[in-house]
Amino acid sequence: KHIEGTTYAENIVDAGYAFSRAAAGQLIEGGRPEIVLVVGDGVAP
Protein backbone atom coordinates (compact mmCIF):
# COMPACT_ATOMS: atom_id res chain seq x y z
CA LYS A 1 0.00 0.00 0.00
CA HIS A 2 1.28 3.44 -0.92
CA ILE A 3 1.86 5.66 2.14
CA GLU A 4 3.69 8.71 0.79
CA GLY A 5 6.44 9.45 -1.70
CA THR A 6 8.19 6.15 -2.39
CA THR A 7 7.14 4.59 0.91
CA TYR A 8 4.96 1.48 0.63
CA ALA A 9 3.64 -0.64 3.49
CA GLU A 10 4.01 -4.42 3.31
CA ASN A 11 0.85 -6.43 4.11
CA ILE A 12 1.22 -10.21 4.32
CA VAL A 13 -1.36 -12.39 2.60
CA ASP A 14 0.48 -15.74 2.80
CA ALA A 15 4.19 -15.68 3.70
CA GLY A 16 4.39 -19.36 2.79
CA TYR A 17 3.47 -18.64 -0.82
CA ALA A 18 5.99 -15.98 -1.81
CA PHE A 19 7.15 -17.96 -4.87
CA SER A 20 3.88 -17.79 -6.78
CA ARG A 21 1.93 -16.23 -9.64
CA ALA A 22 -0.61 -13.63 -8.55
CA ALA A 23 -3.97 -12.26 -9.69
CA ALA A 24 -6.77 -10.36 -7.98
CA GLY A 25 -10.37 -9.27 -8.44
CA GLN A 26 -13.86 -9.24 -6.92
CA LEU A 27 -14.42 -13.00 -7.13
CA ILE A 28 -16.77 -12.97 -4.13
CA GLU A 29 -19.43 -10.28 -4.03
CA GLY A 30 -18.92 -7.59 -1.37
CA GLY A 31 -15.88 -6.73 0.69
CA ARG A 32 -12.34 -6.41 -0.56
CA PRO A 33 -11.14 -7.93 -3.83
CA GLU A 34 -9.89 -11.48 -3.46
CA ILE A 35 -6.31 -12.53 -4.19
CA VAL A 36 -5.43 -15.69 -6.13
CA LEU A 37 -2.00 -17.32 -5.83
CA VAL A 38 -0.72 -20.42 -7.62
CA VAL A 39 2.64 -22.09 -8.04
CA GLY A 40 4.47 -21.09 -11.21
CA ASP A 41 7.38 -23.51 -10.84
CA GLY A 42 6.67 -26.52 -8.62
CA VAL A 43 3.63 -28.38 -7.34
CA ALA A 44 1.21 -26.69 -4.92
CA PRO A 45 -2.48 -25.67 -4.59
All heavy atoms as atom14 arrays in JSON, in Angstrom:
{
  "sequence": "KHIEGTTYAENIVDAGYAFSRAAAGQLIEGGRPEIVLVVGDGVAP",
  "atom14_mask": [
    [1, 1, 1, 1, 1, 1, 1, 1, 1, 0, 0, 0, 0, 0],
    [1, 1, 1, 1, 1, 1, 1, 1, 1, 1, 0, 0, 0, 0],
    [1, 1, 1, 1, 1, 1, 1, 1, 0, 0, 0, 0, 0, 0],
    [1, 1, 1, 1, 1, 1, 1, 1, 1, 0, 0, 0, 0, 0],
    [1, 1, 1, 1, 0, 0, 0, 0, 0, 0, 0, 0, 0, 0],
    [1, 1, 1, 1, 1, 1, 1, 0, 0, 0, 0, 0, 0, 0],
    [1, 1, 1, 1, 1, 1, 1, 0, 0, 0, 0, 0, 0, 0],
    [1, 1, 1, 1, 1, 1, 1, 1, 1, 1, 1, 1, 0, 0],
    [1, 1, 1, 1, 1, 0, 0, 0, 0, 0, 0, 0, 0, 0],
    [1, 1, 1, 1, 1, 1, 1, 1, 1, 0, 0, 0, 0, 0],
    [1, 1, 1, 1, 1, 1, 1, 1, 0, 0, 0, 0, 0, 0],
    [1, 1, 1, 1, 1, 1, 1, 1, 0, 0, 0, 0, 0, 0],
    [1, 1, 1, 1, 1, 1, 1, 0, 0, 0, 0, 0, 0, 0],
    [1, 1, 1, 1, 1, 1, 1, 1, 0, 0, 0, 0, 0, 0],
    [1, 1, 1, 1, 1, 0, 0, 0, 0, 0, 0, 0, 0, 0],
    [1, 1, 1, 1, 0, 0, 0, 0, 0, 0, 0, 0, 0, 0],
    [1, 1, 1, 1, 1, 1, 1, 1, 1, 1, 1, 1, 0, 0],
    [1, 1, 1, 1, 1, 0, 0, 0, 0, 0, 0, 0, 0, 0],
    [1, 1, 1, 1, 1, 1, 1, 1, 1, 1, 1, 0, 0, 0],
    [1, 1, 1, 1, 1, 1, 0, 0, 0, 0, 0, 0, 0, 0],
    [1, 1, 1, 1, 1, 1, 1, 1, 1, 1, 1, 0, 0, 0],
    [1, 1, 1, 1, 1, 0, 0, 0, 0, 0, 0, 0, 0, 0],
    [1, 1, 1, 1, 1, 0, 0, 0, 0, 0, 0, 0, 0, 0],
    [1, 1, 1, 1, 1, 0, 0, 0, 0, 0, 0, 0, 0, 0],
    [1, 1, 1, 1, 0, 0, 0, 0, 0, 0, 0, 0, 0, 0],
    [1, 1, 1, 1, 1, 1, 1, 1, 1, 0, 0, 0, 0, 0],
    [1, 1, 1, 1, 1, 1, 1, 1, 0, 0, 0, 0, 0, 0],
    [1, 1, 1, 1, 1, 1, 1, 1, 0, 0, 0, 0, 0, 0],
    [1, 1, 1, 1, 1, 1, 1, 1, 1, 0, 0, 0, 0, 0],
    [1, 1, 1, 1, 0, 0, 0, 0, 0, 0, 0, 0, 0, 0],
    [1, 1, 1, 1, 0, 0, 0, 0, 0, 0, 0, 0, 0, 0],
    [1, 1, 1, 1, 1, 1, 1, 1, 1, 1, 1, 0, 0, 0],
    [1, 1, 1, 1, 1, 1, 1, 0, 0, 0, 0, 0, 0, 0],
    [1, 1, 1, 1, 1, 1, 1, 1, 1, 0, 0, 0, 0, 0],
    [1, 1, 1, 1, 1, 1, 1, 1, 0, 0, 0, 0, 0, 0],
    [1, 1, 1, 1, 1, 1, 1, 0, 0, 0, 0, 0, 0, 0],
    [1, 1, 1, 1, 1, 1, 1, 1, 0, 0, 0, 0, 0, 0],
    [1, 1, 1, 1, 1, 1, 1, 0, 0, 0, 0, 0, 0, 0],
    [1, 1, 1, 1, 1, 1, 1, 0, 0, 0, 0, 0, 0, 0],
    [1, 1, 1, 1, 0, 0, 0, 0, 0, 0, 0, 0, 0, 0],
    [1, 1, 1, 1, 1, 1, 1, 1, 0, 0, 0, 0, 0, 0],
    [1, 1, 1, 1, 0, 0, 0, 0, 0, 0, 0, 0, 0, 0],
    [1, 1, 1, 1, 1, 1, 1, 0, 0, 0, 0, 0, 0, 0],
    [1, 1, 1, 1, 1, 0, 0, 0, 0, 0, 0, 0, 0, 0],
    [1, 1, 1, 1, 1, 1, 1, 0, 0, 0, 0, 0, 0, 0]
  ],
  "atom14_positions": [
    [[0.84, -1.2, 0.0], [0.0, 0.0, 0.0], [0.87, 1.25, 0.0], [1.82, 1.36, 0.8], [-0.9, 0.01, 1.24], [-1.73, 1.28, 1.44], [-2.52, 1.2, 2.73], [-3.23, 2.52, 3.04], [-4.21, 2.87, 1.99], [0.0, 0.0, 0.0], [0.0, 0.0, 0.0], [0.0, 0.0, 0.0], [0.0, 0.0, 0.0], [0.0, 0.0, 0.0]],
    [[0.54, 2.19, -0.88], [1.28, 3.44, -0.92], [0.97, 4.27, 0.32], [-0.2, 4.46, 0.68], [0.93, 4.24, -2.17], [1.62, 5.55, -2.25], [0.95, 6.76, -2.08], [2.93, 5.87, -2.45], [1.81, 7.75, -2.18], [3.01, 7.25, -2.41], [0.0, 0.0, 0.0], [0.0, 0.0, 0.0], [0.0, 0.0, 0.0], [0.0, 0.0, 0.0]],
    [[2.01, 4.79, 0.96], [1.86, 5.66, 2.14], [2.13, 7.1, 1.76], [1.26, 7.97, 1.84], [2.81, 5.21, 3.27], [2.56, 3.73, 3.63], [2.6, 6.1, 4.5], [1.16, 3.4, 4.07], [0.0, 0.0, 0.0], [0.0, 0.0, 0.0], [0.0, 0.0, 0.0], [0.0, 0.0, 0.0], [0.0, 0.0, 0.0], [0.0, 0.0, 0.0]],
    [[3.34, 7.38, 1.31], [3.69, 8.71, 0.79], [5.01, 8.59, 0.03], [5.82, 7.7, 0.31], [3.85, 9.73, 1.93], [4.93, 9.38, 2.93], [5.06, 10.43, 4.02], [4.28, 11.4, 4.0], [5.96, 10.28, 4.87], [0.0, 0.0, 0.0], [0.0, 0.0, 0.0], [0.0, 0.0, 0.0], [0.0, 0.0, 0.0], [0.0, 0.0, 0.0]],
    [[5.21, 9.48, -0.94], [6.44, 9.45, -1.7], [6.7, 8.07, -2.3], [5.88, 7.53, -3.03], [0.0, 0.0, 0.0], [0.0, 0.0, 0.0], [0.0, 0.0, 0.0], [0.0, 0.0, 0.0], [0.0, 0.0, 0.0], [0.0, 0.0, 0.0], [0.0, 0.0, 0.0], [0.0, 0.0, 0.0], [0.0, 0.0, 0.0], [0.0, 0.0, 0.0]],
    [[7.86, 7.51, -1.95], [8.19, 6.15, -2.39], [8.13, 5.17, -1.22], [8.8, 4.13, -1.24], [9.59, 6.13, -3.03], [10.55, 6.64, -2.11], [9.61, 6.95, -4.32], [0.0, 0.0, 0.0], [0.0, 0.0, 0.0], [0.0, 0.0, 0.0], [0.0, 0.0, 0.0], [0.0, 0.0, 0.0], [0.0, 0.0, 0.0], [0.0, 0.0, 0.0]],
    [[7.32, 5.48, -0.23], [7.14, 4.59, 0.91], [5.89, 3.74, 0.71], [4.79, 4.28, 0.49], [7.01, 5.37, 2.22], [8.2, 6.15, 2.42], [6.81, 4.44, 3.41], [0.0, 0.0, 0.0], [0.0, 0.0, 0.0], [0.0, 0.0, 0.0], [0.0, 0.0, 0.0], [0.0, 0.0, 0.0], [0.0, 0.0, 0.0], [0.0, 0.0, 0.0]],
    [[6.05, 2.44, 0.79], [4.96, 1.48, 0.63], [4.96, 0.54, 1.82], [6.02, 0.07, 2.26], [5.11, 0.69, -0.67], [4.78, 1.5, -1.91], [5.67, 2.46, -2.39], [3.57, 1.33, -2.58], [5.37, 3.21, -3.51], [3.27, 2.07, -3.71], [4.17, 3.02, -4.17], [3.86, 3.76, -5.28], [0.0, 0.0, 0.0], [0.0, 0.0, 0.0]],
    [[3.78, 0.25, 2.34], [3.64, -0.64, 3.49], [3.41, -2.07, 3.02], [2.54, -2.33, 2.17], [2.49, -0.18, 4.37], [0.0, 0.0, 0.0], [0.0, 0.0, 0.0], [0.0, 0.0, 0.0], [0.0, 0.0, 0.0], [0.0, 0.0, 0.0], [0.0, 0.0, 0.0], [0.0, 0.0, 0.0], [0.0, 0.0, 0.0], [0.0, 0.0, 0.0]],
    [[4.17, -3.0, 3.59], [4.01, -4.42, 3.31], [2.85, -4.99, 4.11], [2.75, -4.77, 5.33], [5.29, -5.17, 3.67], [5.16, -6.68, 3.61], [6.24, -7.4, 4.41], [7.02, -6.72, 5.1], [6.29, -8.65, 4.35], [0.0, 0.0, 0.0], [0.0, 0.0, 0.0], [0.0, 0.0, 0.0], [0.0, 0.0, 0.0], [0.0, 0.0, 0.0]],
    [[1.96, -5.74, 3.46], [0.85, -6.43, 4.11], [0.89, -7.89, 3.69], [0.78, -8.2, 2.51], [-0.49, -5.81, 3.72], [-0.59, -4.34, 4.12], [-0.98, -4.02, 5.22], [-0.21, -3.45, 3.19], [0.0, 0.0, 0.0], [0.0, 0.0, 0.0], [0.0, 0.0, 0.0], [0.0, 0.0, 0.0], [0.0, 0.0, 0.0], [0.0, 0.0, 0.0]],
    [[1.04, -8.8, 4.64], [1.22, -10.21, 4.32], [-0.13, -10.86, 4.04], [-1.08, -10.71, 4.82], [1.94, -10.94, 5.45], [3.38, -10.4, 5.59], [1.97, -12.45, 5.21], [4.15, -10.96, 6.76], [0.0, 0.0, 0.0], [0.0, 0.0, 0.0], [0.0, 0.0, 0.0], [0.0, 0.0, 0.0], [0.0, 0.0, 0.0], [0.0, 0.0, 0.0]],
    [[-0.2, -11.56, 2.94], [-1.36, -12.39, 2.6], [-1.07, -13.84, 2.97], [-1.84, -14.48, 3.69], [-1.7, -12.28, 1.1], [-2.89, -13.17, 0.75], [-1.99, -10.83, 0.72], [0.0, 0.0, 0.0], [0.0, 0.0, 0.0], [0.0, 0.0, 0.0], [0.0, 0.0, 0.0], [0.0, 0.0, 0.0], [0.0, 0.0, 0.0], [0.0, 0.0, 0.0]],
    [[0.05, -14.38, 2.48], [0.48, -15.74, 2.8], [1.99, -15.78, 2.63], [2.5, -15.9, 1.52], [-0.2, -16.76, 1.88], [0.08, -18.2, 2.27], [1.04, -18.43, 3.03], [-0.66, -19.09, 1.8], [0.0, 0.0, 0.0], [0.0, 0.0, 0.0], [0.0, 0.0, 0.0], [0.0, 0.0, 0.0], [0.0, 0.0, 0.0], [0.0, 0.0, 0.0]],
    [[2.72, -15.7, 3.75], [4.19, -15.68, 3.7], [4.76, -17.02, 3.25], [5.93, -17.1, 2.87], [4.75, -15.32, 5.08], [0.0, 0.0, 0.0], [0.0, 0.0, 0.0], [0.0, 0.0, 0.0], [0.0, 0.0, 0.0], [0.0, 0.0, 0.0], [0.0, 0.0, 0.0], [0.0, 0.0, 0.0], [0.0, 0.0, 0.0], [0.0, 0.0, 0.0]],
    [[3.95, -18.07, 3.26], [4.39, -19.36, 2.79], [4.16, -19.58, 1.31], [4.37, -20.69, 0.8], [0.0, 0.0, 0.0], [0.0, 0.0, 0.0], [0.0, 0.0, 0.0], [0.0, 0.0, 0.0], [0.0, 0.0, 0.0], [0.0, 0.0, 0.0], [0.0, 0.0, 0.0], [0.0, 0.0, 0.0], [0.0, 0.0, 0.0], [0.0, 0.0, 0.0]],
    [[3.72, -18.52, 0.62], [3.47, -18.64, -0.82], [4.06, -17.43, -1.55], [3.43, -16.83, -2.4], [1.98, -18.74, -1.07], [1.6, -19.75, -2.16], [0.27, -20.08, -2.39], [2.56, -20.37, -2.96], [-0.1, -20.99, -3.37], [2.21, -21.29, -3.93], [0.89, -21.59, -4.14], [0.54, -22.51, -5.11], [0.0, 0.0, 0.0], [0.0, 0.0, 0.0]],
    [[5.32, -17.12, -1.2], [5.99, -15.98, -1.81], [6.41, -16.27, -3.25], [6.48, -15.37, -4.09], [7.21, -15.58, -0.99], [0.0, 0.0, 0.0], [0.0, 0.0, 0.0], [0.0, 0.0, 0.0], [0.0, 0.0, 0.0], [0.0, 0.0, 0.0], [0.0, 0.0, 0.0], [0.0, 0.0, 0.0], [0.0, 0.0, 0.0], [0.0, 0.0, 0.0]],
    [[6.69, -17.54, -3.54], [7.15, -17.96, -4.87], [5.93, -18.42, -5.65], [5.64, -19.61, -5.78], [8.17, -19.09, -4.71], [8.95, -19.41, -5.95], [9.82, -18.49, -6.51], [8.85, -20.66, -6.55], [10.56, -18.8, -7.65], [9.58, -20.98, -7.68], [10.43, -20.04, -8.23], [0.0, 0.0, 0.0], [0.0, 0.0, 0.0], [0.0, 0.0, 0.0]],
    [[5.18, -17.46, -6.19], [3.88, -17.79, -6.78], [3.51, -16.77, -7.85], [4.02, -15.66, -7.87], [2.79, -17.84, -5.7], [2.72, -16.61, -5.0], [0.0, 0.0, 0.0], [0.0, 0.0, 0.0], [0.0, 0.0, 0.0], [0.0, 0.0, 0.0], [0.0, 0.0, 0.0], [0.0, 0.0, 0.0], [0.0, 0.0, 0.0], [0.0, 0.0, 0.0]],
    [[2.57, -17.16, -8.71], [1.93, -16.23, -9.64], [0.77, -15.59, -8.9], [0.18, -16.2, -7.99], [1.42, -16.96, -10.89], [2.39, -17.96, -11.49], [3.77, -17.38, -11.71], [3.77, -16.32, -12.7], [4.61, -15.29, -12.68], [5.49, -15.16, -11.7], [4.56, -14.36, -13.62], [0.0, 0.0, 0.0], [0.0, 0.0, 0.0], [0.0, 0.0, 0.0]],
    [[0.4, -14.38, -9.29], [-0.61, -13.63, -8.55], [-1.64, -13.02, -9.49], [-1.33, -12.62, -10.62], [0.05, -12.52, -7.73], [0.0, 0.0, 0.0], [0.0, 0.0, 0.0], [0.0, 0.0, 0.0], [0.0, 0.0, 0.0], [0.0, 0.0, 0.0], [0.0, 0.0, 0.0], [0.0, 0.0, 0.0], [0.0, 0.0, 0.0], [0.0, 0.0, 0.0]],
    [[-2.89, -12.96, -9.01], [-3.97, -12.26, -9.69], [-4.95, -11.8, -8.62], [-4.92, -12.28, -7.48], [-4.66, -13.17, -10.71], [0.0, 0.0, 0.0], [0.0, 0.0, 0.0], [0.0, 0.0, 0.0], [0.0, 0.0, 0.0], [0.0, 0.0, 0.0], [0.0, 0.0, 0.0], [0.0, 0.0, 0.0], [0.0, 0.0, 0.0], [0.0, 0.0, 0.0]],
    [[-5.82, -10.88, -8.97], [-6.77, -10.36, -7.98], [-8.0, -9.81, -8.67], [-7.96, -9.39, -9.83], [-6.11, -9.26, -7.13], [0.0, 0.0, 0.0], [0.0, 0.0, 0.0], [0.0, 0.0, 0.0], [0.0, 0.0, 0.0], [0.0, 0.0, 0.0], [0.0, 0.0, 0.0], [0.0, 0.0, 0.0], [0.0, 0.0, 0.0], [0.0, 0.0, 0.0]],
    [[-9.12, -9.81, -7.94], [-10.37, -9.27, -8.44], [-11.5, -9.6, -7.5], [-11.33, -10.38, -6.55], [0.0, 0.0, 0.0], [0.0, 0.0, 0.0], [0.0, 0.0, 0.0], [0.0, 0.0, 0.0], [0.0, 0.0, 0.0], [0.0, 0.0, 0.0], [0.0, 0.0, 0.0], [0.0, 0.0, 0.0], [0.0, 0.0, 0.0], [0.0, 0.0, 0.0]],
    [[-12.69, -9.03, -7.77], [-13.86, -9.24, -6.92], [-14.51, -10.58, -7.28], [-15.56, -10.63, -7.92], [-14.86, -8.09, -7.08], [-15.85, -7.98, -5.95], [-15.21, -7.5, -4.65], [-14.65, -6.41, -4.6], [-15.28, -8.31, -3.61], [0.0, 0.0, 0.0], [0.0, 0.0, 0.0], [0.0, 0.0, 0.0], [0.0, 0.0, 0.0], [0.0, 0.0, 0.0]],
    [[-13.91, -11.66, -6.83], [-14.42, -13.0, -7.13], [-15.58, -13.38, -6.24], [-16.39, -14.23, -6.6], [-13.28, -14.01, -6.98], [-12.23, -13.94, -8.1], [-10.86, -14.36, -7.6], [-12.64, -14.81, -9.28], [0.0, 0.0, 0.0], [0.0, 0.0, 0.0], [0.0, 0.0, 0.0], [0.0, 0.0, 0.0], [0.0, 0.0, 0.0], [0.0, 0.0, 0.0]],
    [[-15.66, -12.77, -5.05], [-16.77, -12.97, -4.13], [-17.43, -11.62, -3.91], [-16.75, -10.64, -3.59], [-16.3, -13.58, -2.8], [-15.64, -14.94, -3.05], [-17.44, -13.72, -1.82], [-15.01, -15.55, -1.81], [0.0, 0.0, 0.0], [0.0, 0.0, 0.0], [0.0, 0.0, 0.0], [0.0, 0.0, 0.0], [0.0, 0.0, 0.0], [0.0, 0.0, 0.0]],
    [[-18.72, -11.56, -4.09], [-19.43, -10.28, -4.03], [-19.3, -9.65, -2.64], [-19.43, -10.31, -1.62], [-20.9, -10.48, -4.38], [-21.12, -10.96, -5.81], [-22.56, -11.36, -6.09], [-23.36, -11.32, -5.14], [-22.85, -11.73, -7.24], [0.0, 0.0, 0.0], [0.0, 0.0, 0.0], [0.0, 0.0, 0.0], [0.0, 0.0, 0.0], [0.0, 0.0, 0.0]],
    [[-19.04, -8.32, -2.62], [-18.92, -7.59, -1.37], [-17.52, -7.69, -0.8], [-16.76, -8.6, -1.08], [0.0, 0.0, 0.0], [0.0, 0.0, 0.0], [0.0, 0.0, 0.0], [0.0, 0.0, 0.0], [0.0, 0.0, 0.0], [0.0, 0.0, 0.0], [0.0, 0.0, 0.0], [0.0, 0.0, 0.0], [0.0, 0.0, 0.0], [0.0, 0.0, 0.0]],
    [[-17.17, -6.71, 0.02], [-15.88, -6.73, 0.69], [-14.73, -6.38, -0.23], [-14.91, -5.82, -1.31], [0.0, 0.0, 0.0], [0.0, 0.0, 0.0], [0.0, 0.0, 0.0], [0.0, 0.0, 0.0], [0.0, 0.0, 0.0], [0.0, 0.0, 0.0], [0.0, 0.0, 0.0], [0.0, 0.0, 0.0], [0.0, 0.0, 0.0], [0.0, 0.0, 0.0]],
    [[-13.54, -6.7, 0.21], [-12.34, -6.41, -0.56], [-12.21, -7.38, -1.74], [-12.75, -8.49, -1.71], [-11.1, -6.56, 0.33], [-10.98, -5.51, 1.42], [-9.66, -5.67, 2.16], [-9.45, -4.6, 3.13], [-8.32, -4.41, 3.8], [-7.29, -5.23, 3.61], [-8.2, -3.41, 4.66], [0.0, 0.0, 0.0], [0.0, 0.0, 0.0], [0.0, 0.0, 0.0]],
    [[-11.46, -6.97, -2.77], [-11.14, -7.93, -3.83], [-10.39, -9.13, -3.26], [-9.63, -9.0, -2.29], [-10.25, -7.12, -4.78], [-10.56, -5.7, -4.5], [-10.91, -5.64, -3.05], [0.0, 0.0, 0.0], [0.0, 0.0, 0.0], [0.0, 0.0, 0.0], [0.0, 0.0, 0.0], [0.0, 0.0, 0.0], [0.0, 0.0, 0.0], [0.0, 0.0, 0.0]],
    [[-10.61, -10.27, -3.87], [-9.89, -11.48, -3.46], [-8.56, -11.57, -4.2], [-8.38, -10.97, -5.27], [-10.72, -12.73, -3.76], [-11.85, -12.98, -2.78], [-12.94, -11.93, -2.83], [-13.4, -11.58, -3.96], [-13.32, -11.4, -1.76], [0.0, 0.0, 0.0], [0.0, 0.0, 0.0], [0.0, 0.0, 0.0], [0.0, 0.0, 0.0], [0.0, 0.0, 0.0]],
    [[-7.63, -12.31, -3.61], [-6.31, -12.53, -4.19], [-6.17, -14.01, -4.51], [-6.54, -14.87, -3.7], [-5.2, -12.06, -3.24], [-5.27, -10.52, -3.09], [-3.82, -12.49, -3.73], [-4.33, -9.96, -2.06], [0.0, 0.0, 0.0], [0.0, 0.0, 0.0], [0.0, 0.0, 0.0], [0.0, 0.0, 0.0], [0.0, 0.0, 0.0], [0.0, 0.0, 0.0]],
    [[-5.65, -14.32, -5.7], [-5.43, -15.69, -6.13], [-3.93, -15.9, -6.29], [-3.25, -15.1, -6.94], [-6.15, -16.0, -7.46], [-5.91, -17.43, -7.89], [-7.64, -15.71, -7.34], [0.0, 0.0, 0.0], [0.0, 0.0, 0.0], [0.0, 0.0, 0.0], [0.0, 0.0, 0.0], [0.0, 0.0, 0.0], [0.0, 0.0, 0.0], [0.0, 0.0, 0.0]],
    [[-3.41, -16.96, -5.7], [-2.0, -17.32, -5.83], [-1.91, -18.77, -6.29], [-2.69, -19.62, -5.85], [-1.26, -17.17, -4.5], [-1.25, -15.78, -3.85], [-0.48, -15.82, -2.53], [-0.65, -14.73, -4.78], [0.0, 0.0, 0.0], [0.0, 0.0, 0.0], [0.0, 0.0, 0.0], [0.0, 0.0, 0.0], [0.0, 0.0, 0.0], [0.0, 0.0, 0.0]],
    [[-0.94, -19.05, -7.16], [-0.72, -20.42, -7.62], [0.77, -20.59, -7.91], [1.47, -19.62, -8.25], [-1.56, -20.73, -8.88], [-1.04, -19.98, -10.1], [-1.61, -22.23, -9.16], [0.0, 0.0, 0.0], [0.0, 0.0, 0.0], [0.0, 0.0, 0.0], [0.0, 0.0, 0.0], [0.0, 0.0, 0.0], [0.0, 0.0, 0.0], [0.0, 0.0, 0.0]],
    [[1.24, -21.8, -7.77], [2.64, -22.09, -8.04], [2.95, -21.91, -9.52], [2.2, -22.37, -10.38], [2.99, -23.52, -7.56], [2.18, -24.56, -8.32], [4.47, -23.8, -7.69], [0.0, 0.0, 0.0], [0.0, 0.0, 0.0], [0.0, 0.0, 0.0], [0.0, 0.0, 0.0], [0.0, 0.0, 0.0], [0.0, 0.0, 0.0], [0.0, 0.0, 0.0]],
    [[4.04, -21.19, -9.83], [4.47, -21.09, -11.21], [5.43, -22.2, -11.57], [5.33, -22.81, -12.63], [0.0, 0.0, 0.0], [0.0, 0.0, 0.0], [0.0, 0.0, 0.0], [0.0, 0.0, 0.0], [0.0, 0.0, 0.0], [0.0, 0.0, 0.0], [0.0, 0.0, 0.0], [0.0, 0.0, 0.0], [0.0, 0.0, 0.0], [0.0, 0.0, 0.0]],
    [[6.4, -22.44, -10.67], [7.38, -23.51, -10.84], [7.33, -24.39, -9.61], [7.75, -23.97, -8.52], [8.78, -22.93, -11.03], [8.88, -22.03, -12.24], [8.95, -22.56, -13.35], [8.87, -20.8, -12.06], [0.0, 0.0, 0.0], [0.0, 0.0, 0.0], [0.0, 0.0, 0.0], [0.0, 0.0, 0.0], [0.0, 0.0, 0.0], [0.0, 0.0, 0.0]],
    [[6.82, -25.61, -9.74], [6.67, -26.52, -8.62], [5.28, -27.13, -8.62], [4.54, -27.04, -9.6], [0.0, 0.0, 0.0], [0.0, 0.0, 0.0], [0.0, 0.0, 0.0], [0.0, 0.0, 0.0], [0.0, 0.0, 0.0], [0.0, 0.0, 0.0], [0.0, 0.0, 0.0], [0.0, 0.0, 0.0], [0.0, 0.0, 0.0], [0.0, 0.0, 0.0]],
    [[4.94, -27.75, -7.5], [3.63, -28.38, -7.34], [3.04, -27.9, -6.03], [3.63, -28.08, -4.96], [3.73, -29.92, -7.34], [2.35, -30.54, -7.15], [4.36, -30.41, -8.64], [0.0, 0.0, 0.0], [0.0, 0.0, 0.0], [0.0, 0.0, 0.0], [0.0, 0.0, 0.0], [0.0, 0.0, 0.0], [0.0, 0.0, 0.0], [0.0, 0.0, 0.0]],
    [[1.85, -27.27, -6.09], [1.21, -26.69, -4.92], [-0.24, -26.36, -5.28], [-0.64, -26.43, -6.44], [1.95, -25.43, -4.46], [0.0, 0.0, 0.0], [0.0, 0.0, 0.0], [0.0, 0.0, 0.0], [0.0, 0.0, 0.0], [0.0, 0.0, 0.0], [0.0, 0.0, 0.0], [0.0, 0.0, 0.0], [0.0, 0.0, 0.0], [0.0, 0.0, 0.0]],
    [[-1.07, -25.97, -4.3], [-2.48, -25.67, -4.59], [-2.67, -24.33, -5.29], [-1.82, -23.44, -5.21], [-3.13, -25.64, -3.2], [-2.13, -26.16, -2.25], [-0.8, -25.95, -2.85], [0.0, 0.0, 0.0], [0.0, 0.0, 0.0], [0.0, 0.0, 0.0], [0.0, 0.0, 0.0], [0.0, 0.0, 0.0], [0.0, 0.0, 0.0], [0.0, 0.0, 0.0]]
  ]
}
